[in-house]
């Protein structure tokens, strides 16, 4: 199957390389709003168009490395520049391909392991990407059944989205714990063992833990 033209898309890995910074720096640019919202999200990963990424150098506060740009372009077989996200072809990753076949992720993974699936059209930030056209032509050639509903979802622009990081908020707020009882001190000759036991039983019955620290 002949390689098709693939648009220049960059993830955090390519952006960091292009500007000679750490990958975390590119992610920080996104967090701080220096790098805008992704032009595309595919299989939960964010991607930006080349003009968007080169635009980071327009204010003069940062510069991209021309030799890195040349290397990046050379690594995208049949690459071409897209200036508007609406002009992107339909691109899928490993999370969307199961929709096309009504399969599970591991089924697609096994196809790739056995080399019974079309090679990716591009590898961006470590993730394989395919043109929808590539996947459908490969399915036809191998006689694999496809699911029209899944194909329609992709053509309508639906993709696996980025999952939020951090802890998931609780469905209901936790109740405020009751206040701790006042500290009591028991001294020999002033209090009996029964009083100590009664106070300990009161605390344990209320759900409090108890530590005993003797003093002279």
C-alpha atoms as a PDB file:
ATOM      1  CA  UNK A   1       0.000   0.000   0.000  1.00  0.00           C
ATOM      2  CA  UNK A   2       1.422   3.348  -1.055  1.00  0.00           C
ATOM      3  CA  UNK A   3       2.117   5.965   1.585  1.00  0.00           C
ATOM      4  CA  UNK A   4      -0.257   8.900   1.484  1.00  0.00           C
ATOM      5  CA  UNK A   5       0.372  12.531   2.280  1.00  0.00           C
ATOM      6  CA  UNK A   6       0.234  13.238   6.001  1.00  0.00           C
ATOM      7  CA  UNK A   7      -0.124  16.705   7.587  1.00  0.00           C
ATOM      8  CA  UNK A   8       2.578  18.122   9.817  1.00  0.00           C
ATOM      9  CA  UNK A   9       1.319  17.531  13.367  1.00  0.00           C
ATOM     10  CA  UNK A  10       3.423  18.019  16.484  1.00  0.00           C
ATOM     11  CA  UNK A  11       3.006  16.749  20.002  1.00  0.00           C
ATOM     12  CA  UNK A  12       4.860  17.882  23.104  1.00  0.00           C
ATOM     13  CA  UNK A  13       7.859  15.761  22.119  1.00  0.00           C
ATOM     14  CA  UNK A  14       8.314  17.467  18.740  1.00  0.00           C
ATOM     15  CA  UNK A  15       7.640  20.941  20.166  1.00  0.00           C
ATOM     16  CA  UNK A  16      10.277  20.451  22.852  1.00  0.00           C
ATOM     17  CA  UNK A  17      12.787  19.199  20.300  1.00  0.00           C
ATOM     18  CA  UNK A  18      12.055  22.070  17.912  1.00  0.00           C
ATOM     19  CA  UNK A  19      12.733  24.678  20.600  1.00  0.00           C
ATOM     20  CA  UNK A  20      15.548  22.821  22.339  1.00  0.00           C
ATOM     21  CA  UNK A  21      13.745  22.509  25.674  1.00  0.00           C
ATOM     22  CA  UNK A  22      12.568  19.702  27.915  1.00  0.00           C
ATOM     23  CA  UNK A  23       9.246  18.052  27.174  1.00  0.00           C
ATOM     24  CA  UNK A  24       7.966  19.303  30.514  1.00  0.00           C
ATOM     25  CA  UNK A  25       8.608  22.860  29.320  1.00  0.00           C
ATOM     26  CA  UNK A  26       6.293  22.367  26.365  1.00  0.00           C
ATOM     27  CA  UNK A  27       3.659  20.981  28.709  1.00  0.00           C
ATOM     28  CA  UNK A  28       4.149  24.000  30.966  1.00  0.00           C
ATOM     29  CA  UNK A  29       3.631  26.329  27.981  1.00  0.00           C
ATOM     30  CA  UNK A  30       0.295  24.610  27.474  1.00  0.00           C
ATOM     31  CA  UNK A  31      -0.641  24.949  31.157  1.00  0.00           C
ATOM     32  CA  UNK A  32       0.270  28.653  31.216  1.00  0.00           C
ATOM     33  CA  UNK A  33      -1.585  29.412  27.994  1.00  0.00           C
ATOM     34  CA  UNK A  34       1.568  30.212  25.979  1.00  0.00           C
ATOM     35  CA  UNK A  35       0.668  27.253  23.786  1.00  0.00           C
ATOM     36  CA  UNK A  36      -3.021  27.377  22.943  1.00  0.00           C
ATOM     37  CA  UNK A  37      -5.533  24.561  22.935  1.00  0.00           C
ATOM     38  CA  UNK A  38      -4.594  21.605  20.691  1.00  0.00           C
ATOM     39  CA  UNK A  39      -5.530  21.789  17.031  1.00  0.00           C
ATOM     40  CA  UNK A  40      -6.400  18.092  17.282  1.00  0.00           C
ATOM     41  CA  UNK A  41      -6.852  15.473  19.981  1.00  0.00           C
ATOM     42  CA  UNK A  42      -6.398  11.882  18.820  1.00  0.00           C
ATOM     43  CA  UNK A  43      -6.523   8.863  21.115  1.00  0.00           C
ATOM     44  CA  UNK A  44      -6.339  11.190  24.104  1.00  0.00           C
ATOM     45  CA  UNK A  45      -3.142  12.914  22.933  1.00  0.00           C
ATOM     46  CA  UNK A  46      -2.907  16.622  21.985  1.00  0.00           C
ATOM     47  CA  UNK A  47      -1.417  17.750  18.673  1.00  0.00           C
ATOM     48  CA  UNK A  48      -0.728  21.121  17.109  1.00  0.00           C
ATOM     49  CA  UNK A  49      -0.334  22.251  13.494  1.00  0.00           C
ATOM     50  CA  UNK A  50       3.113  23.331  12.388  1.00  0.00           C
ATOM     51  CA  UNK A  51       2.114  27.005  11.834  1.00  0.00           C
ATOM     52  CA  UNK A  52       0.701  27.073  15.387  1.00  0.00           C
ATOM     53  CA  UNK A  53       3.957  25.777  16.827  1.00  0.00           C
ATOM     54  CA  UNK A  54       6.162  28.097  14.770  1.00  0.00           C
ATOM     55  CA  UNK A  55       3.985  30.968  15.970  1.00  0.00           C
ATOM     56  CA  UNK A  56       5.484  30.544  19.448  1.00  0.00           C
ATOM     57  CA  UNK A  57       8.606  32.291  18.119  1.00  0.00           C
ATOM     58  CA  UNK A  58       6.777  35.333  16.739  1.00  0.00           C
ATOM     59  CA  UNK A  59       7.131  37.520  19.857  1.00  0.00           C
ATOM     60  CA  UNK A  60      10.894  36.946  19.978  1.00  0.00           C
ATOM     61  CA  UNK A  61      10.875  35.399  23.449  1.00  0.00           C
ATOM     62  CA  UNK A  62      11.846  31.980  22.107  1.00  0.00           C
ATOM     63  CA  UNK A  63      13.434  30.600  18.941  1.00  0.00           C
ATOM     64  CA  UNK A  64      13.066  27.291  17.196  1.00  0.00           C
ATOM     65  CA  UNK A  65      16.074  25.460  15.798  1.00  0.00           C
ATOM     66  CA  UNK A  66      16.011  25.392  11.965  1.00  0.00           C
ATOM     67  CA  UNK A  67      17.958  22.140  11.782  1.00  0.00           C
ATOM     68  CA  UNK A  68      15.427  20.468  14.099  1.00  0.00           C
ATOM     69  CA  UNK A  69      12.600  21.693  11.888  1.00  0.00           C
ATOM     70  CA  UNK A  70      14.316  20.182   8.870  1.00  0.00           C
ATOM     71  CA  UNK A  71      14.771  16.870  10.717  1.00  0.00           C
ATOM     72  CA  UNK A  72      11.137  16.833  11.780  1.00  0.00           C
ATOM     73  CA  UNK A  73       9.858  17.412   8.256  1.00  0.00           C
ATOM     74  CA  UNK A  74      12.145  14.715   6.897  1.00  0.00           C
ATOM     75  CA  UNK A  75      10.621  12.268   9.381  1.00  0.00           C
ATOM     76  CA  UNK A  76       7.070  12.705   8.067  1.00  0.00           C
ATOM     77  CA  UNK A  77       6.830  10.766   4.830  1.00  0.00           C
ATOM     78  CA  UNK A  78       4.686  12.740   2.394  1.00  0.00           C
ATOM     79  CA  UNK A  79       4.312  15.553   4.919  1.00  0.00           C
ATOM     80  CA  UNK A  80       2.553  18.782   4.057  1.00  0.00           C
ATOM     81  CA  UNK A  81       1.542  21.928   5.928  1.00  0.00           C
ATOM     82  CA  UNK A  82      -2.006  22.665   7.067  1.00  0.00           C
ATOM     83  CA  UNK A  83      -2.823  26.115   8.400  1.00  0.00           C
ATOM     84  CA  UNK A  84      -6.375  25.488   9.628  1.00  0.00           C
ATOM     85  CA  UNK A  85      -7.495  22.555  11.777  1.00  0.00           C
ATOM     86  CA  UNK A  86     -10.731  22.323   9.759  1.00  0.00           C
ATOM     87  CA  UNK A  87      -8.615  21.298   6.769  1.00  0.00           C
ATOM     88  CA  UNK A  88      -7.100  18.261   8.501  1.00  0.00           C
ATOM     89  CA  UNK A  89      -7.955  14.873   7.024  1.00  0.00           C
ATOM     90  CA  UNK A  90      -9.570  12.242   9.256  1.00  0.00           C
ATOM     91  CA  UNK A  91      -6.766  10.856  11.442  1.00  0.00           C
ATOM     92  CA  UNK A  92      -7.079   8.064  14.006  1.00  0.00           C
ATOM     93  CA  UNK A  93      -4.960   6.451  16.689  1.00  0.00           C
ATOM     94  CA  UNK A  94      -5.079   3.182  18.584  1.00  0.00           C
ATOM     95  CA  UNK A  95      -8.042   4.309  20.703  1.00  0.00           C
ATOM     96  CA  UNK A  96     -10.302   5.051  17.710  1.00  0.00           C
ATOM     97  CA  UNK A  97      -9.401   2.129  15.431  1.00  0.00           C
ATOM     98  CA  UNK A  98     -11.418  -0.362  17.546  1.00  0.00           C
ATOM     99  CA  UNK A  99     -14.528   1.723  16.743  1.00  0.00           C
ATOM    100  CA  UNK A 100     -13.977   1.000  13.052  1.00  0.00           C
ATOM    101  CA  UNK A 101     -14.007  -2.765  13.552  1.00  0.00           C
ATOM    102  CA  UNK A 102     -16.207  -3.167  16.615  1.00  0.00           C
ATOM    103  CA  UNK A 103     -13.202  -4.709  18.357  1.00  0.00           C
ATOM    104  CA  UNK A 104     -11.340  -4.235  21.612  1.00  0.00           C
ATOM    105  CA  UNK A 105      -8.044  -2.384  21.913  1.00  0.00           C
ATOM    106  CA  UNK A 106      -6.119  -5.622  22.482  1.00  0.00           C
ATOM    107  CA  UNK A 107      -7.484  -7.080  19.250  1.00  0.00           C
ATOM    108  CA  UNK A 108      -5.961  -4.217  17.288  1.00  0.00           C
ATOM    109  CA  UNK A 109      -2.764  -4.518  19.310  1.00  0.00           C
ATOM    110  CA  UNK A 110      -2.496  -8.196  18.340  1.00  0.00           C
ATOM    111  CA  UNK A 111      -3.013  -7.341  14.665  1.00  0.00           C
ATOM    112  CA  UNK A 112      -0.060  -4.963  14.884  1.00  0.00           C
ATOM    113  CA  UNK A 113       2.104  -7.515  16.710  1.00  0.00           C
ATOM    114  CA  UNK A 114       1.349 -10.075  13.997  1.00  0.00           C
ATOM    115  CA  UNK A 115       1.946  -7.445  11.313  1.00  0.00           C
ATOM    116  CA  UNK A 116      -1.503  -8.032   9.909  1.00  0.00           C
ATOM    117  CA  UNK A 117      -2.432  -4.367  10.008  1.00  0.00           C
ATOM    118  CA  UNK A 118      -1.370  -1.362   7.959  1.00  0.00           C
ATOM    119  CA  UNK A 119       1.807   0.374   9.207  1.00  0.00           C
ATOM    120  CA  UNK A 120       1.153   3.781  10.763  1.00  0.00           C
ATOM    121  CA  UNK A 121       1.274   6.789   8.449  1.00  0.00           C
ATOM    122  CA  UNK A 122       3.221   8.752  11.053  1.00  0.00           C
ATOM    123  CA  UNK A 123       4.666   8.381  14.535  1.00  0.00           C
ATOM    124  CA  UNK A 124       4.162  11.594  16.527  1.00  0.00           C
ATOM    125  CA  UNK A 125       5.431  11.964  20.096  1.00  0.00           C
ATOM    126  CA  UNK A 126       5.715   8.206  20.335  1.00  0.00           C
ATOM    127  CA  UNK A 127       2.134   7.503  19.245  1.00  0.00           C
ATOM    128  CA  UNK A 128       1.212   5.844  15.926  1.00  0.00           C
ATOM    129  CA  UNK A 129      -1.296   7.703  13.755  1.00  0.00           C
ATOM    130  CA  UNK A 130      -3.171   6.606  10.641  1.00  0.00           C
ATOM    131  CA  UNK A 131      -5.266   8.332   8.039  1.00  0.00           C
ATOM    132  CA  UNK A 132      -8.779   6.905   8.196  1.00  0.00           C
ATOM    133  CA  UNK A 133      -8.422   6.240   4.473  1.00  0.00           C
ATOM    134  CA  UNK A 134      -5.380   4.031   5.146  1.00  0.00           C
ATOM    135  CA  UNK A 135      -7.248   1.921   7.709  1.00  0.00           C
ATOM    136  CA  UNK A 136     -10.301   1.451   5.514  1.00  0.00           C
ATOM    137  CA  UNK A 137      -8.278   0.469   2.445  1.00  0.00           C
ATOM    138  CA  UNK A 138      -6.304  -2.027   4.529  1.00  0.00           C
ATOM    139  CA  UNK A 139      -9.545  -3.510   5.894  1.00  0.00           C
ATOM    140  CA  UNK A 140     -10.933  -3.935   2.386  1.00  0.00           C
ATOM    141  CA  UNK A 141      -7.735  -5.551   1.167  1.00  0.00           C
ATOM    142  CA  UNK A 142      -7.770  -8.041   4.062  1.00  0.00           C
ATOM    143  CA  UNK A 143     -11.504  -8.672   3.884  1.00  0.00           C
ATOM    144  CA  UNK A 144     -12.175  -7.350   7.385  1.00  0.00           C
ATOM    145  CA  UNK A 145     -15.668  -6.268   8.320  1.00  0.00           C
ATOM    146  CA  UNK A 146     -16.032  -2.642   9.422  1.00  0.00           C
ATOM    147  CA  UNK A 147     -18.699  -0.940  11.513  1.00  0.00           C
ATOM    148  CA  UNK A 148     -20.317   2.020   9.782  1.00  0.00           C
ATOM    149  CA  UNK A 149     -21.376   3.638  13.057  1.00  0.00           C
ATOM    150  CA  UNK A 150     -17.762   3.786  14.218  1.00  0.00           C
ATOM    151  CA  UNK A 151     -16.631   5.231  10.906  1.00  0.00           C
ATOM    152  CA  UNK A 152     -19.388   7.849  11.056  1.00  0.00           C
ATOM    153  CA  UNK A 153     -18.309   8.873  14.568  1.00  0.00           C
ATOM    154  CA  UNK A 154     -14.782   9.487  13.324  1.00  0.00           C
ATOM    155  CA  UNK A 155     -15.904  11.380  10.238  1.00  0.00           C
ATOM    156  CA  UNK A 156     -18.107  13.518  12.497  1.00  0.00           C
ATOM    157  CA  UNK A 157     -14.984  14.546  14.421  1.00  0.00           C
ATOM    158  CA  UNK A 158     -15.400  12.365  17.503  1.00  0.00           C
ATOM    159  CA  UNK A 159     -12.158  11.229  19.111  1.00  0.00           C
ATOM    160  CA  UNK A 160     -10.980   9.781  22.401  1.00  0.00           C
ATOM    161  CA  UNK A 161     -10.415  12.869  24.545  1.00  0.00           C
ATOM    162  CA  UNK A 162      -7.701  13.813  27.027  1.00  0.00           C
ATOM    163  CA  UNK A 163      -8.446  12.412  30.447  1.00  0.00           C
ATOM    164  CA  UNK A 164      -8.109  14.938  33.292  1.00  0.00           C
ATOM    165  CA  UNK A 165      -5.181  14.347  35.599  1.00  0.00           C
ATOM    166  CA  UNK A 166      -5.281  14.341  39.370  1.00  0.00           C
ATOM    167  CA  UNK A 167      -7.745  12.863  41.791  1.00  0.00           C
ATOM    168  CA  UNK A 168     -11.343  12.465  40.809  1.00  0.00           C
ATOM    169  CA  UNK A 169     -13.539  14.698  42.971  1.00  0.00           C
ATOM    170  CA  UNK A 170     -15.751  12.885  45.431  1.00  0.00           C
ATOM    171  CA  UNK A 171     -19.412  12.599  44.486  1.00  0.00           C
ATOM    172  CA  UNK A 172     -20.433  13.932  47.900  1.00  0.00           C
ATOM    173  CA  UNK A 173     -18.447  16.092  50.333  1.00  0.00           C
ATOM    174  CA  UNK A 174     -17.120  14.279  53.363  1.00  0.00           C
ATOM    175  CA  UNK A 175     -18.905  15.084  56.603  1.00  0.00           C
ATOM    176  CA  UNK A 176     -17.003  17.245  59.095  1.00  0.00           C
ATOM    177  CA  UNK A 177     -15.469  14.976  61.747  1.00  0.00           C
ATOM    178  CA  UNK A 178     -16.633  15.509  65.333  1.00  0.00           C
ATOM    179  CA  UNK A 179     -14.362  17.585  67.608  1.00  0.00           C
ATOM    180  CA  UNK A 180     -11.874  15.746  69.771  1.00  0.00           C
ATOM    181  CA  UNK A 181     -12.803  15.426  73.461  1.00  0.00           C
ATOM    182  CA  UNK A 182     -10.878  17.544  75.969  1.00  0.00           C
ATOM    183  CA  UNK A 183      -7.649  16.053  77.263  1.00  0.00           C
ATOM    184  CA  UNK A 184      -7.852  14.545  80.713  1.00  0.00           C
ATOM    185  CA  UNK A 185      -5.019  13.706  83.051  1.00  0.00           C
ATOM    186  CA  UNK A 186      -5.334  10.883  85.571  1.00  0.00           C
ATOM    187  CA  UNK A 187      -3.026  10.928  88.626  1.00  0.00           C
ATOM    188  CA  UNK A 188      -2.339   8.259  91.243  1.00  0.00           C
ATOM    189  CA  UNK A 189      -4.352   8.843  94.408  1.00  0.00           C
ATOM    190  CA  UNK A 190      -6.746  11.215  92.600  1.00  0.00           C
ATOM    191  CA  UNK A 191      -8.350   8.838  90.121  1.00  0.00           C
ATOM    192  CA  UNK A 192      -9.142   5.164  90.059  1.00  0.00           C
ATOM    193  CA  UNK A 193      -8.439   2.583  87.377  1.00  0.00           C
ATOM    194  CA  UNK A 194     -12.194   2.380  86.824  1.00  0.00           C
ATOM    195  CA  UNK A 195     -12.311   6.095  85.894  1.00  0.00           C
ATOM    196  CA  UNK A 196      -9.481   5.611  83.444  1.00  0.00           C
ATOM    197  CA  UNK A 197     -11.237   2.588  81.909  1.00  0.00           C
ATOM    198  CA  UNK A 198     -14.541   4.446  81.670  1.00  0.00           C
ATOM    199  CA  UNK A 199     -12.924   7.376  79.839  1.00  0.00           C
ATOM    200  CA  UNK A 200     -11.128   4.996  77.472  1.00  0.00           C
ATOM    201  CA  UNK A 201     -14.380   3.133  76.778  1.00  0.00           C
ATOM    202  CA  UNK A 202     -16.114   6.466  76.033  1.00  0.00           C
ATOM    203  CA  UNK A 203     -13.478   7.409  73.467  1.00  0.00           C
ATOM    204  CA  UNK A 204     -13.442   4.030  71.755  1.00  0.00           C
ATOM    205  CA  UNK A 205     -17.214   3.933  71.652  1.00  0.00           C
ATOM    206  CA  UNK A 206     -17.241   7.318  69.870  1.00  0.00           C
ATOM    207  CA  UNK A 207     -14.888   5.980  67.196  1.00  0.00           C
ATOM    208  CA  UNK A 208     -11.716   7.693  68.419  1.00  0.00           C
ATOM    209  CA  UNK A 209      -8.361   5.943  68.635  1.00  0.00           C
ATOM    210  CA  UNK A 210      -6.535   6.011  71.935  1.00  0.00           C
ATOM    211  CA  UNK A 211      -2.839   6.208  72.814  1.00  0.00           C
ATOM    212  CA  UNK A 212      -1.591   5.938  76.404  1.00  0.00           C
ATOM    213  CA  UNK A 213       1.599   7.823  77.289  1.00  0.00           C
ATOM    214  CA  UNK A 214       2.670   7.393  80.934  1.00  0.00           C
ATOM    215  CA  UNK A 215       4.216  10.377  82.791  1.00  0.00           C
ATOM    216  CA  UNK A 216       6.009  10.565  86.122  1.00  0.00           C
END
